[in-house]
Amino acid sequence: MNCRPLLLLIACAVLPSLKGMAQYPKLYTRAGCNLFTSWLTNNDDKVIIVPALSLALGVRLLQSDVAAVSVTLPVSAGFSSKSDTYLGVDLPALLELHIGSATGNNEYARIGGILGAGLAYNYSGNYWEDSYGRIESDFWGYRFEAGISFKSELSGNAAILLISYGRGITDSHKNLIAIGIHLVMGYKN
C-alpha cells in the first residue's frame, strides 16, 4: 500500500497549527501543499504530476502596513508515482510583491495578493510502461507566480491560493505549471 498520499494529506492538515511561527520584521515565511506538473513540449501527452510539500522562507526588502517586497525561496519536494516512485523537487528564487493579508504584517486586511518572478530549478521524473520508458524533466528556467490570499477572522491565518508557470532556459521544450495552497505563518503584532 502506498502511504505517501495519506502522509501528504496529514501534513497539510497539520500546517494550520504552525501559526506560532510568527513573522519577524524582516523575515517572511509560509508553508503549504503544491501540485506541480512538468512536461516536454514535444511530448505533451506525458505529464509528470508531483504532489509536494512547500516551505517558503524570505527576507523583506521593503515593507509597509499594506505591502511588502521580499526575496523568497519557496522550496517544494514530493513524490511522483505512475508505476514507480520518483522524487520531485522545485527550487525557485523569487522577487515577490505581497499586498494586504499576504504580507503577514497587516492584522486588519482580510484579502490580499502576491506577484512574483525569478529563476528556478525543477526536477521530476516518472516511468511509463510503453515505448516512452522513463521521462525526466530536469531544467533551469524562469518562473512567474501569482496568488490571492484570504484571512480568516476566527483563526487569523491567511491562506494563499497560488499558481506558477515556468519554462526552461537551457531547454525551451520543458515547462511547468504549479498550483498550491499556502498559509502565511503568523502575523507581526
N, C-alpha and C. Protein backbone atom coordinates (compact mmCIF):
# COMPACT_ATOMS: atom_id res chain seq x y z
N MET A 1 0.84 -1.19 0.00
CA MET A 1 0.00 0.00 0.00
C MET A 1 0.88 1.25 0.00
N ASN A 2 0.58 2.20 -0.85
CA ASN A 2 1.34 3.44 -0.96
C ASN A 2 0.78 4.44 0.05
N CYS A 3 1.55 4.77 1.08
CA CYS A 3 1.10 5.66 2.15
C CYS A 3 1.46 7.12 1.90
N ARG A 4 2.19 7.42 0.84
CA ARG A 4 2.64 8.80 0.62
C ARG A 4 1.49 9.78 0.46
N PRO A 5 0.42 9.48 -0.31
CA PRO A 5 -0.69 10.44 -0.39
C PRO A 5 -1.35 10.70 0.97
N LEU A 6 -1.45 9.69 1.80
CA LEU A 6 -2.03 9.86 3.13
C LEU A 6 -1.14 10.74 3.99
N LEU A 7 0.17 10.52 3.94
CA LEU A 7 1.10 11.35 4.71
C LEU A 7 1.06 12.80 4.26
N LEU A 8 0.93 13.03 2.96
CA LEU A 8 0.83 14.38 2.43
C LEU A 8 -0.44 15.06 2.92
N LEU A 9 -1.56 14.34 2.94
CA LEU A 9 -2.82 14.87 3.43
C LEU A 9 -2.74 15.22 4.92
N ILE A 10 -2.12 14.36 5.71
CA ILE A 10 -1.96 14.62 7.14
C ILE A 10 -1.09 15.85 7.37
N ALA A 11 0.00 15.96 6.62
CA ALA A 11 0.88 17.12 6.76
C ALA A 11 0.15 18.42 6.42
N CYS A 12 -0.70 18.40 5.40
CA CYS A 12 -1.48 19.59 5.04
C CYS A 12 -2.48 19.95 6.13
N ALA A 13 -3.01 18.96 6.83
CA ALA A 13 -3.94 19.22 7.91
C ALA A 13 -3.25 19.80 9.14
N VAL A 14 -1.97 19.47 9.33
CA VAL A 14 -1.22 19.94 10.50
C VAL A 14 -0.68 21.37 10.31
N LEU A 15 -0.49 21.80 9.08
CA LEU A 15 0.12 23.11 8.82
C LEU A 15 -0.57 24.28 9.53
N PRO A 16 -1.92 24.32 9.63
CA PRO A 16 -2.52 25.46 10.34
C PRO A 16 -2.08 25.59 11.79
N SER A 17 -1.63 24.53 12.41
CA SER A 17 -1.20 24.61 13.81
C SER A 17 0.16 25.28 13.95
N LEU A 18 0.84 25.56 12.85
CA LEU A 18 2.16 26.18 12.91
C LEU A 18 2.10 27.70 13.00
N LYS A 19 0.93 28.25 13.32
CA LYS A 19 0.77 29.70 13.37
C LYS A 19 1.72 30.35 14.36
N GLY A 20 2.19 29.58 15.33
CA GLY A 20 3.10 30.11 16.33
C GLY A 20 4.42 30.60 15.75
N MET A 21 4.75 30.22 14.52
CA MET A 21 5.97 30.70 13.89
C MET A 21 5.72 32.12 13.40
N ALA A 22 5.80 33.08 14.30
CA ALA A 22 5.44 34.47 13.99
C ALA A 22 6.42 35.08 12.99
N GLN A 23 5.92 36.05 12.24
CA GLN A 23 6.76 36.80 11.32
C GLN A 23 7.65 37.74 12.10
N TYR A 24 8.93 37.73 11.79
CA TYR A 24 9.83 38.73 12.33
C TYR A 24 9.81 39.90 11.38
N PRO A 25 10.19 41.09 11.85
CA PRO A 25 10.05 42.28 11.00
C PRO A 25 10.70 42.17 9.62
N LYS A 26 11.82 41.48 9.49
CA LYS A 26 12.49 41.39 8.19
C LYS A 26 12.37 40.03 7.52
N LEU A 27 11.67 39.08 8.15
CA LEU A 27 11.55 37.74 7.59
C LEU A 27 10.13 37.46 7.15
N TYR A 28 9.98 36.55 6.19
CA TYR A 28 8.68 36.16 5.67
C TYR A 28 8.66 34.64 5.56
N THR A 29 7.64 34.00 6.10
CA THR A 29 7.53 32.54 5.97
C THR A 29 6.11 32.15 5.63
N ARG A 30 6.00 31.09 4.82
CA ARG A 30 4.71 30.47 4.54
C ARG A 30 4.97 29.00 4.25
N ALA A 31 3.94 28.19 4.45
CA ALA A 31 4.09 26.76 4.22
C ALA A 31 2.79 26.24 3.61
N GLY A 32 2.88 25.16 2.85
CA GLY A 32 1.68 24.62 2.24
C GLY A 32 1.92 23.40 1.39
N CYS A 33 0.96 23.14 0.53
CA CYS A 33 0.98 22.00 -0.37
C CYS A 33 0.91 22.50 -1.81
N ASN A 34 1.69 21.89 -2.68
CA ASN A 34 1.69 22.22 -4.11
C ASN A 34 1.41 20.97 -4.92
N LEU A 35 0.92 21.18 -6.11
CA LEU A 35 0.81 20.14 -7.11
C LEU A 35 1.49 20.70 -8.35
N PHE A 36 2.72 20.24 -8.62
CA PHE A 36 3.39 20.77 -9.81
C PHE A 36 3.42 19.73 -10.91
N THR A 37 3.22 20.20 -12.11
CA THR A 37 3.19 19.35 -13.29
C THR A 37 4.25 19.85 -14.26
N SER A 38 5.02 18.94 -14.79
CA SER A 38 6.01 19.33 -15.79
C SER A 38 5.85 18.44 -17.01
N TRP A 39 6.21 18.97 -18.14
CA TRP A 39 6.08 18.23 -19.39
C TRP A 39 7.04 18.78 -20.42
N LEU A 40 7.33 17.96 -21.40
CA LEU A 40 8.14 18.37 -22.54
C LEU A 40 7.19 18.79 -23.65
N THR A 41 7.46 19.90 -24.30
CA THR A 41 6.59 20.41 -25.35
C THR A 41 6.43 19.40 -26.49
N ASN A 42 7.50 18.69 -26.84
CA ASN A 42 7.43 17.73 -27.92
C ASN A 42 6.88 16.38 -27.47
N ASN A 43 6.43 16.28 -26.20
CA ASN A 43 5.93 15.02 -25.67
C ASN A 43 4.81 15.32 -24.66
N ASP A 44 3.88 16.21 -25.03
CA ASP A 44 2.94 16.72 -24.05
C ASP A 44 1.81 15.75 -23.68
N ASP A 45 1.80 14.55 -24.22
CA ASP A 45 0.82 13.59 -23.73
C ASP A 45 1.33 12.87 -22.49
N LYS A 46 2.59 13.09 -22.11
CA LYS A 46 3.18 12.51 -20.91
C LYS A 46 3.49 13.64 -19.93
N VAL A 47 2.61 13.85 -18.98
CA VAL A 47 2.75 14.90 -17.98
C VAL A 47 3.19 14.26 -16.67
N ILE A 48 4.18 14.83 -16.05
CA ILE A 48 4.66 14.35 -14.75
C ILE A 48 3.98 15.19 -13.68
N ILE A 49 3.23 14.54 -12.80
CA ILE A 49 2.48 15.23 -11.75
C ILE A 49 3.11 14.88 -10.41
N VAL A 50 3.45 15.91 -9.63
CA VAL A 50 4.12 15.70 -8.35
C VAL A 50 3.38 16.46 -7.25
N PRO A 51 2.69 15.75 -6.33
CA PRO A 51 2.17 16.42 -5.14
C PRO A 51 3.34 16.66 -4.19
N ALA A 52 3.40 17.86 -3.59
CA ALA A 52 4.59 18.21 -2.80
C ALA A 52 4.23 19.10 -1.63
N LEU A 53 5.09 19.07 -0.62
CA LEU A 53 5.03 20.00 0.49
C LEU A 53 5.97 21.15 0.18
N SER A 54 5.58 22.35 0.64
CA SER A 54 6.36 23.52 0.31
C SER A 54 6.60 24.36 1.56
N LEU A 55 7.80 24.92 1.65
CA LEU A 55 8.14 25.86 2.70
C LEU A 55 8.83 27.04 2.03
N ALA A 56 8.29 28.23 2.24
CA ALA A 56 8.85 29.44 1.64
C ALA A 56 9.46 30.31 2.73
N LEU A 57 10.74 30.58 2.60
CA LEU A 57 11.45 31.47 3.52
C LEU A 57 11.91 32.67 2.74
N GLY A 58 11.72 33.86 3.31
CA GLY A 58 12.11 35.06 2.59
C GLY A 58 12.63 36.15 3.49
N VAL A 59 13.24 37.14 2.85
CA VAL A 59 13.74 38.33 3.52
C VAL A 59 13.02 39.52 2.91
N ARG A 60 12.43 40.35 3.75
CA ARG A 60 11.72 41.55 3.28
C ARG A 60 12.73 42.64 2.93
N LEU A 61 12.61 43.17 1.73
CA LEU A 61 13.47 44.26 1.31
C LEU A 61 12.84 45.60 1.62
N LEU A 62 11.54 45.71 1.37
CA LEU A 62 10.74 46.91 1.65
C LEU A 62 9.43 46.45 2.27
N GLN A 63 8.88 47.27 3.17
CA GLN A 63 7.58 46.91 3.73
C GLN A 63 6.87 48.11 4.30
N SER A 64 5.55 48.00 4.28
CA SER A 64 4.67 48.96 4.94
C SER A 64 3.53 48.14 5.54
N ASP A 65 2.51 48.81 6.05
CA ASP A 65 1.37 48.07 6.62
C ASP A 65 0.52 47.40 5.55
N VAL A 66 0.60 47.86 4.30
CA VAL A 66 -0.25 47.30 3.26
C VAL A 66 0.50 46.52 2.19
N ALA A 67 1.82 46.60 2.15
CA ALA A 67 2.57 45.91 1.11
C ALA A 67 3.97 45.56 1.60
N ALA A 68 4.56 44.57 0.95
CA ALA A 68 5.95 44.19 1.25
C ALA A 68 6.57 43.62 -0.03
N VAL A 69 7.85 43.86 -0.19
CA VAL A 69 8.63 43.28 -1.28
C VAL A 69 9.68 42.39 -0.62
N SER A 70 9.75 41.14 -1.07
CA SER A 70 10.70 40.21 -0.45
C SER A 70 11.38 39.35 -1.50
N VAL A 71 12.55 38.84 -1.13
CA VAL A 71 13.22 37.80 -1.89
C VAL A 71 12.86 36.51 -1.17
N THR A 72 12.23 35.57 -1.88
CA THR A 72 11.66 34.38 -1.26
C THR A 72 12.17 33.12 -1.96
N LEU A 73 12.40 32.09 -1.16
CA LEU A 73 12.81 30.78 -1.67
C LEU A 73 11.71 29.77 -1.32
N PRO A 74 10.69 29.61 -2.17
CA PRO A 74 9.61 28.64 -1.89
C PRO A 74 9.97 27.24 -2.38
N VAL A 75 10.64 26.47 -1.54
CA VAL A 75 11.15 25.14 -1.88
C VAL A 75 10.03 24.11 -1.75
N SER A 76 9.89 23.23 -2.74
CA SER A 76 8.89 22.16 -2.71
C SER A 76 9.57 20.82 -2.98
N ALA A 77 9.09 19.79 -2.29
CA ALA A 77 9.59 18.43 -2.53
C ALA A 77 8.43 17.46 -2.37
N GLY A 78 8.40 16.46 -3.26
CA GLY A 78 7.33 15.47 -3.21
C GLY A 78 7.70 14.25 -4.03
N PHE A 79 6.71 13.40 -4.28
CA PHE A 79 6.94 12.15 -4.99
C PHE A 79 5.97 12.01 -6.15
N SER A 80 6.45 11.47 -7.23
CA SER A 80 5.66 11.15 -8.40
C SER A 80 5.60 9.63 -8.50
N SER A 81 4.42 9.07 -8.78
CA SER A 81 4.36 7.60 -8.84
C SER A 81 3.30 7.12 -9.81
N LYS A 82 3.66 7.03 -11.07
CA LYS A 82 2.77 6.43 -12.08
C LYS A 82 2.86 4.91 -11.99
N SER A 83 4.06 4.38 -12.14
CA SER A 83 4.26 2.94 -11.98
C SER A 83 5.44 2.65 -11.07
N ASP A 84 6.16 3.69 -10.67
CA ASP A 84 7.27 3.57 -9.73
C ASP A 84 7.36 4.92 -9.03
N THR A 85 8.13 5.03 -7.98
CA THR A 85 8.18 6.27 -7.20
C THR A 85 9.45 7.03 -7.52
N TYR A 86 9.29 8.32 -7.82
CA TYR A 86 10.41 9.20 -8.13
C TYR A 86 10.26 10.49 -7.33
N LEU A 87 11.39 11.01 -6.88
CA LEU A 87 11.42 12.26 -6.15
C LEU A 87 11.24 13.42 -7.12
N GLY A 88 10.52 14.43 -6.69
CA GLY A 88 10.39 15.66 -7.46
C GLY A 88 10.75 16.84 -6.57
N VAL A 89 11.55 17.77 -7.08
CA VAL A 89 11.91 18.97 -6.32
C VAL A 89 11.73 20.20 -7.20
N ASP A 90 11.36 21.29 -6.55
CA ASP A 90 11.20 22.56 -7.23
C ASP A 90 11.88 23.62 -6.36
N LEU A 91 12.89 24.30 -6.90
CA LEU A 91 13.71 25.23 -6.13
C LEU A 91 13.75 26.61 -6.77
N PRO A 92 12.70 27.42 -6.61
CA PRO A 92 12.73 28.77 -7.17
C PRO A 92 13.34 29.81 -6.22
N ALA A 93 13.85 30.88 -6.78
CA ALA A 93 14.27 32.08 -6.05
C ALA A 93 13.50 33.23 -6.69
N LEU A 94 12.60 33.86 -5.93
CA LEU A 94 11.68 34.83 -6.50
C LEU A 94 11.75 36.19 -5.80
N LEU A 95 11.53 37.23 -6.56
CA LEU A 95 11.28 38.56 -6.02
C LEU A 95 9.76 38.69 -5.99
N GLU A 96 9.19 38.88 -4.79
CA GLU A 96 7.73 38.86 -4.64
C GLU A 96 7.21 40.18 -4.08
N LEU A 97 6.04 40.57 -4.57
CA LEU A 97 5.29 41.71 -4.05
C LEU A 97 4.08 41.13 -3.32
N HIS A 98 3.95 41.42 -2.04
CA HIS A 98 2.84 40.96 -1.21
C HIS A 98 1.97 42.16 -0.88
N ILE A 99 0.65 42.01 -1.04
CA ILE A 99 -0.28 43.10 -0.77
C ILE A 99 -1.35 42.60 0.20
N GLY A 100 -1.75 43.45 1.13
CA GLY A 100 -2.85 43.12 2.05
C GLY A 100 -2.51 41.96 2.96
N SER A 101 -3.43 41.00 3.08
CA SER A 101 -3.25 39.89 4.02
C SER A 101 -2.10 38.97 3.65
N ALA A 102 -1.60 39.03 2.44
CA ALA A 102 -0.47 38.20 2.03
C ALA A 102 0.85 38.71 2.59
N THR A 103 0.88 39.93 3.15
CA THR A 103 2.14 40.48 3.66
C THR A 103 2.58 39.82 4.95
N GLY A 104 1.63 39.33 5.74
CA GLY A 104 1.98 38.76 7.03
C GLY A 104 2.22 39.80 8.10
N ASN A 105 2.00 41.09 7.80
CA ASN A 105 2.20 42.11 8.82
C ASN A 105 1.01 43.07 8.92
N ASN A 106 -0.11 42.73 8.32
CA ASN A 106 -1.29 43.57 8.39
C ASN A 106 -2.40 42.77 9.06
N GLU A 107 -2.65 43.04 10.33
CA GLU A 107 -3.64 42.25 11.06
C GLU A 107 -5.07 42.59 10.69
N TYR A 108 -5.32 43.68 9.97
CA TYR A 108 -6.69 44.09 9.63
C TYR A 108 -7.12 43.69 8.22
N ALA A 109 -6.18 43.48 7.32
CA ALA A 109 -6.52 43.14 5.93
C ALA A 109 -7.12 41.74 5.87
N ARG A 110 -8.23 41.59 5.17
CA ARG A 110 -8.89 40.29 5.02
C ARG A 110 -8.62 39.65 3.67
N ILE A 111 -8.12 40.43 2.73
CA ILE A 111 -7.84 39.92 1.39
C ILE A 111 -6.52 40.52 0.92
N GLY A 112 -5.84 39.82 0.05
CA GLY A 112 -4.57 40.32 -0.44
C GLY A 112 -4.13 39.56 -1.68
N GLY A 113 -2.94 39.84 -2.11
CA GLY A 113 -2.43 39.19 -3.31
C GLY A 113 -0.92 39.10 -3.29
N ILE A 114 -0.41 38.33 -4.22
CA ILE A 114 1.02 38.12 -4.34
C ILE A 114 1.38 37.99 -5.82
N LEU A 115 2.46 38.65 -6.21
CA LEU A 115 3.02 38.53 -7.56
C LEU A 115 4.51 38.28 -7.41
N GLY A 116 5.04 37.37 -8.19
CA GLY A 116 6.46 37.07 -8.09
C GLY A 116 7.06 36.67 -9.42
N ALA A 117 8.35 36.88 -9.54
CA ALA A 117 9.09 36.47 -10.74
C ALA A 117 10.52 36.14 -10.33
N GLY A 118 11.13 35.21 -11.05
CA GLY A 118 12.50 34.85 -10.74
C GLY A 118 12.98 33.68 -11.56
N LEU A 119 13.96 32.97 -11.00
CA LEU A 119 14.55 31.80 -11.65
C LEU A 119 14.32 30.58 -10.78
N ALA A 120 14.33 29.40 -11.41
CA ALA A 120 14.06 28.17 -10.65
C ALA A 120 14.76 26.98 -11.29
N TYR A 121 15.00 25.98 -10.44
CA TYR A 121 15.45 24.67 -10.89
C TYR A 121 14.34 23.69 -10.57
N ASN A 122 14.02 22.80 -11.51
CA ASN A 122 12.97 21.80 -11.30
C ASN A 122 13.47 20.45 -11.76
N TYR A 123 13.21 19.43 -10.93
CA TYR A 123 13.49 18.06 -11.34
C TYR A 123 12.28 17.20 -10.99
N SER A 124 11.83 16.43 -11.94
CA SER A 124 10.80 15.42 -11.68
C SER A 124 10.97 14.33 -12.72
N GLY A 125 10.51 13.15 -12.39
CA GLY A 125 10.64 12.03 -13.31
C GLY A 125 9.54 11.03 -13.09
N ASN A 126 9.30 10.18 -14.07
CA ASN A 126 8.34 9.11 -13.95
C ASN A 126 8.65 8.07 -15.02
N TYR A 127 7.97 6.96 -14.93
CA TYR A 127 8.21 5.86 -15.85
C TYR A 127 6.88 5.37 -16.41
N TRP A 128 6.81 5.23 -17.71
CA TRP A 128 5.63 4.69 -18.37
C TRP A 128 5.98 3.35 -18.98
N GLU A 129 5.08 2.41 -18.85
CA GLU A 129 5.33 1.06 -19.39
C GLU A 129 4.89 0.97 -20.84
N ASP A 130 5.51 1.77 -21.66
CA ASP A 130 5.27 1.74 -23.10
C ASP A 130 6.56 2.17 -23.78
N SER A 131 6.46 2.65 -24.98
CA SER A 131 7.67 2.99 -25.73
C SER A 131 8.43 4.18 -25.15
N TYR A 132 7.79 4.99 -24.29
CA TYR A 132 8.48 6.16 -23.75
C TYR A 132 9.46 5.80 -22.65
N GLY A 133 9.13 4.80 -21.84
CA GLY A 133 10.01 4.43 -20.73
C GLY A 133 10.09 5.55 -19.70
N ARG A 134 11.29 5.78 -19.18
CA ARG A 134 11.48 6.81 -18.17
C ARG A 134 11.52 8.20 -18.81
N ILE A 135 10.76 9.11 -18.23
CA ILE A 135 10.75 10.50 -18.70
C ILE A 135 11.17 11.38 -17.54
N GLU A 136 12.11 12.28 -17.77
CA GLU A 136 12.57 13.21 -16.75
C GLU A 136 12.37 14.63 -17.22
N SER A 137 12.10 15.48 -16.27
CA SER A 137 12.07 16.92 -16.53
C SER A 137 13.07 17.52 -15.56
N ASP A 138 14.17 18.00 -16.08
CA ASP A 138 15.28 18.49 -15.28
C ASP A 138 15.76 19.77 -15.95
N PHE A 139 15.41 20.94 -15.38
CA PHE A 139 15.76 22.18 -16.08
C PHE A 139 15.85 23.38 -15.17
N TRP A 140 16.66 24.35 -15.62
CA TRP A 140 16.71 25.69 -15.06
C TRP A 140 15.82 26.55 -15.94
N GLY A 141 15.09 27.48 -15.32
CA GLY A 141 14.24 28.33 -16.13
C GLY A 141 13.70 29.52 -15.36
N TYR A 142 12.91 30.31 -16.04
CA TYR A 142 12.28 31.45 -15.39
C TYR A 142 10.97 31.00 -14.76
N ARG A 143 10.48 31.79 -13.83
CA ARG A 143 9.26 31.45 -13.11
C ARG A 143 8.43 32.70 -12.85
N PHE A 144 7.13 32.59 -13.04
CA PHE A 144 6.18 33.64 -12.70
C PHE A 144 5.17 33.04 -11.73
N GLU A 145 4.73 33.84 -10.76
CA GLU A 145 3.82 33.36 -9.73
C GLU A 145 2.80 34.44 -9.41
N ALA A 146 1.56 34.03 -9.20
CA ALA A 146 0.50 34.96 -8.79
C ALA A 146 -0.43 34.23 -7.83
N GLY A 147 -1.01 34.98 -6.93
CA GLY A 147 -1.92 34.36 -5.99
C GLY A 147 -2.81 35.36 -5.30
N ILE A 148 -3.82 34.85 -4.65
CA ILE A 148 -4.75 35.66 -3.89
C ILE A 148 -4.85 35.08 -2.49
N SER A 149 -4.93 35.95 -1.49
CA SER A 149 -4.97 35.46 -0.11
C SER A 149 -6.26 35.92 0.57
N PHE A 150 -6.71 35.06 1.47
CA PHE A 150 -7.90 35.32 2.27
C PHE A 150 -7.55 35.05 3.72
N LYS A 151 -7.86 36.01 4.59
CA LYS A 151 -7.55 35.84 6.01
C LYS A 151 -8.82 35.52 6.78
N SER A 152 -8.75 34.49 7.60
CA SER A 152 -9.88 34.08 8.43
C SER A 152 -10.00 35.01 9.64
N GLU A 153 -11.22 35.48 9.92
CA GLU A 153 -11.44 36.31 11.09
C GLU A 153 -11.29 35.50 12.37
N LEU A 154 -11.66 34.22 12.32
CA LEU A 154 -11.62 33.40 13.53
C LEU A 154 -10.21 33.00 13.92
N SER A 155 -9.45 32.46 12.98
CA SER A 155 -8.11 31.94 13.32
C SER A 155 -7.01 32.97 13.13
N GLY A 156 -7.22 33.96 12.27
CA GLY A 156 -6.18 34.92 11.97
C GLY A 156 -5.19 34.43 10.92
N ASN A 157 -5.37 33.21 10.41
CA ASN A 157 -4.49 32.68 9.37
C ASN A 157 -4.86 33.24 8.01
N ALA A 158 -3.87 33.48 7.18
CA ALA A 158 -4.11 33.90 5.80
C ALA A 158 -3.72 32.76 4.87
N ALA A 159 -4.69 32.25 4.14
CA ALA A 159 -4.43 31.21 3.14
C ALA A 159 -4.19 31.89 1.80
N ILE A 160 -3.20 31.40 1.07
CA ILE A 160 -2.87 31.95 -0.25
C ILE A 160 -3.05 30.86 -1.28
N LEU A 161 -3.86 31.11 -2.29
CA LEU A 161 -4.02 30.22 -3.43
C LEU A 161 -3.08 30.72 -4.51
N LEU A 162 -2.09 29.89 -4.88
CA LEU A 162 -1.02 30.29 -5.81
C LEU A 162 -1.07 29.50 -7.10
N ILE A 163 -0.65 30.14 -8.18
CA ILE A 163 -0.42 29.45 -9.44
C ILE A 163 0.92 29.95 -9.99
N SER A 164 1.72 29.03 -10.50
CA SER A 164 3.04 29.37 -11.04
C SER A 164 3.19 28.79 -12.43
N TYR A 165 3.98 29.48 -13.25
CA TYR A 165 4.31 28.98 -14.57
C TYR A 165 5.82 29.12 -14.76
N GLY A 166 6.45 28.10 -15.30
CA GLY A 166 7.87 28.16 -15.59
C GLY A 166 8.19 27.52 -16.92
N ARG A 167 9.28 27.97 -17.52
CA ARG A 167 9.74 27.41 -18.79
C ARG A 167 11.25 27.36 -18.75
N GLY A 168 11.81 26.35 -19.37
CA GLY A 168 13.26 26.16 -19.34
C GLY A 168 14.02 27.20 -20.12
N ILE A 169 15.15 27.62 -19.58
CA ILE A 169 16.08 28.49 -20.29
C ILE A 169 17.06 27.63 -21.06
N THR A 170 17.54 26.58 -20.40
CA THR A 170 18.52 25.70 -21.03
C THR A 170 17.89 24.79 -22.07
N ASP A 171 16.62 24.47 -21.89
CA ASP A 171 15.88 23.64 -22.84
C ASP A 171 14.46 24.18 -22.91
N SER A 172 14.15 24.90 -23.98
CA SER A 172 12.85 25.58 -24.07
C SER A 172 11.68 24.61 -24.28
N HIS A 173 11.94 23.32 -24.40
CA HIS A 173 10.87 22.35 -24.55
C HIS A 173 10.31 21.88 -23.22
N LYS A 174 10.89 22.31 -22.10
CA LYS A 174 10.44 21.88 -20.78
C LYS A 174 9.63 22.98 -20.11
N ASN A 175 8.49 22.59 -19.54
CA ASN A 175 7.55 23.55 -18.95
C ASN A 175 7.09 23.06 -17.59
N LEU A 176 6.53 23.98 -16.80
CA LEU A 176 5.98 23.64 -15.50
C LEU A 176 4.80 24.55 -15.19
N ILE A 177 3.76 23.95 -14.63
CA ILE A 177 2.65 24.71 -14.03
C ILE A 177 2.43 24.11 -12.65
N ALA A 178 2.29 24.98 -11.66
CA ALA A 178 2.05 24.52 -10.29
C ALA A 178 0.89 25.28 -9.69
N ILE A 179 0.08 24.58 -8.91
CA ILE A 179 -0.94 25.23 -8.10
C ILE A 179 -0.70 24.82 -6.66
N GLY A 180 -1.03 25.70 -5.75
CA GLY A 180 -0.79 25.37 -4.36
C GLY A 180 -1.64 26.20 -3.42
N ILE A 181 -1.73 25.73 -2.22
CA ILE A 181 -2.36 26.49 -1.15
C ILE A 181 -1.36 26.55 0.00
N HIS A 182 -1.09 27.78 0.44
CA HIS A 182 -0.11 28.02 1.48
C HIS A 182 -0.75 28.83 2.60
N LEU A 183 -0.17 28.78 3.78
CA LEU A 183 -0.57 29.61 4.90
C LEU A 183 0.58 30.53 5.26
N VAL A 184 0.28 31.83 5.39
CA VAL A 184 1.27 32.77 5.90
C VAL A 184 1.45 32.44 7.37
N MET A 185 2.68 32.24 7.78
CA MET A 185 2.96 31.74 9.13
C MET A 185 3.04 32.85 10.15
N GLY A 186 1.90 33.21 10.74
CA GLY A 186 1.86 34.18 11.83
C GLY A 186 1.82 35.60 11.35
N TYR A 187 1.49 36.48 12.23
CA TYR A 187 1.40 37.91 11.94
C TYR A 187 2.21 38.69 12.93
N LYS A 188 2.88 39.71 12.44
CA LYS A 188 3.66 40.62 13.29
C LYS A 188 2.67 41.47 14.08
N ASN A 189 2.86 41.58 15.37
CA ASN A 189 1.99 42.44 16.19
C ASN A 189 2.68 43.73 16.56
